[in-house]
């Protein structure tokens, strides 16, 4: 249950960052370890995500496997 609550908090935090395509960021949490996978449009987005989720209680470590990639804009 704790993982689900933390995952929801991370998803809500991502929603506040105004990412071009937040659906390309996948979140997995296992015993306080946050795994970020997927794609973002810039190094700044990648760093902002990691910095922002550090403040969420229950996250002990972050594995940031986000890749910087040009993401086609949806119409």
Protein backbone atom coordinates (compact mmCIF):
# COMPACT_ATOMS: atom_id res chain seq x y z
CA UNK A 1 0.00 0.00 0.00
CA UNK A 2 2.82 2.42 0.87
CA UNK A 3 4.34 2.00 -2.61
CA UNK A 4 1.01 2.90 -4.22
CA UNK A 5 0.69 6.07 -2.14
CA UNK A 6 4.25 7.13 -2.93
CA UNK A 7 3.75 6.37 -6.63
CA UNK A 8 0.64 8.56 -6.64
CA UNK A 9 2.59 11.38 -4.96
CA UNK A 10 5.36 11.11 -7.58
CA UNK A 11 2.78 11.17 -10.39
CA UNK A 12 1.16 14.26 -8.88
CA UNK A 13 4.56 15.94 -8.59
CA UNK A 14 5.28 15.21 -12.26
CA UNK A 15 1.97 16.83 -13.14
CA UNK A 16 3.15 20.11 -11.63
CA UNK A 17 6.33 20.28 -13.74
CA UNK A 18 4.69 21.14 -17.08
CA UNK A 19 6.53 18.43 -19.01
CA UNK A 20 5.87 18.31 -22.75
CA UNK A 21 4.85 14.64 -22.55
CA UNK A 22 4.54 13.38 -18.96
CA UNK A 23 3.15 10.06 -20.23
CA UNK A 24 6.64 9.14 -21.43
CA UNK A 25 7.90 9.02 -17.83
CA UNK A 26 7.28 5.67 -16.13
CA UNK A 27 7.42 5.33 -12.36
CA UNK A 28 8.20 2.19 -10.38
CA UNK A 29 8.69 2.04 -6.63
CA UNK A 30 10.02 -0.89 -4.65
CA UNK A 31 10.63 -0.57 -0.91
CA UNK A 32 11.48 3.12 -1.07
CA UNK A 33 13.56 2.85 -4.23
CA UNK A 34 12.18 5.00 -7.05
CA UNK A 35 12.92 3.97 -10.62
CA UNK A 36 12.33 6.58 -13.34
CA UNK A 37 12.32 5.24 -16.88
CA UNK A 38 11.34 6.69 -20.22
CA UNK A 39 12.04 9.87 -22.13
CA UNK A 40 12.12 13.60 -21.55
CA UNK A 41 12.85 16.47 -23.95
CA UNK A 42 15.79 18.06 -22.14
CA UNK A 43 18.48 17.57 -19.52
CA UNK A 44 16.77 20.29 -17.50
CA UNK A 45 13.52 18.27 -17.44
CA UNK A 46 15.48 15.18 -16.35
CA UNK A 47 17.20 17.05 -13.52
CA UNK A 48 14.03 18.89 -12.45
CA UNK A 49 12.15 15.62 -12.11
CA UNK A 50 14.84 14.08 -9.94
CA UNK A 51 15.22 17.19 -7.78
CA UNK A 52 11.44 17.50 -7.30
CA UNK A 53 10.74 13.91 -6.26
CA UNK A 54 13.54 13.89 -3.67
CA UNK A 55 11.25 15.83 -1.31
CA UNK A 56 8.57 13.11 -1.28
CA UNK A 57 8.51 11.16 2.00
CA UNK A 58 9.26 7.46 1.65
CA UNK A 59 11.72 7.75 -1.21
CA UNK A 60 15.09 6.48 -0.06
CA UNK A 61 16.90 6.33 -3.39
CA UNK A 62 16.33 7.32 -7.01
CA UNK A 63 17.49 5.46 -10.09
CA UNK A 64 17.09 7.96 -12.92
CA UNK A 65 17.13 6.09 -16.23
CA UNK A 66 15.35 8.86 -18.11
CA UNK A 67 16.77 9.46 -21.57
CA UNK A 68 16.84 12.82 -23.29
CA UNK A 69 15.17 12.46 -26.66
CA UNK A 70 13.19 14.65 -29.02
CA UNK A 71 9.59 13.63 -28.46
CA UNK A 72 7.16 14.36 -31.29
CA UNK A 73 4.46 16.77 -30.17
CA UNK A 74 0.95 15.35 -30.27
CA UNK A 75 -1.68 17.43 -32.06
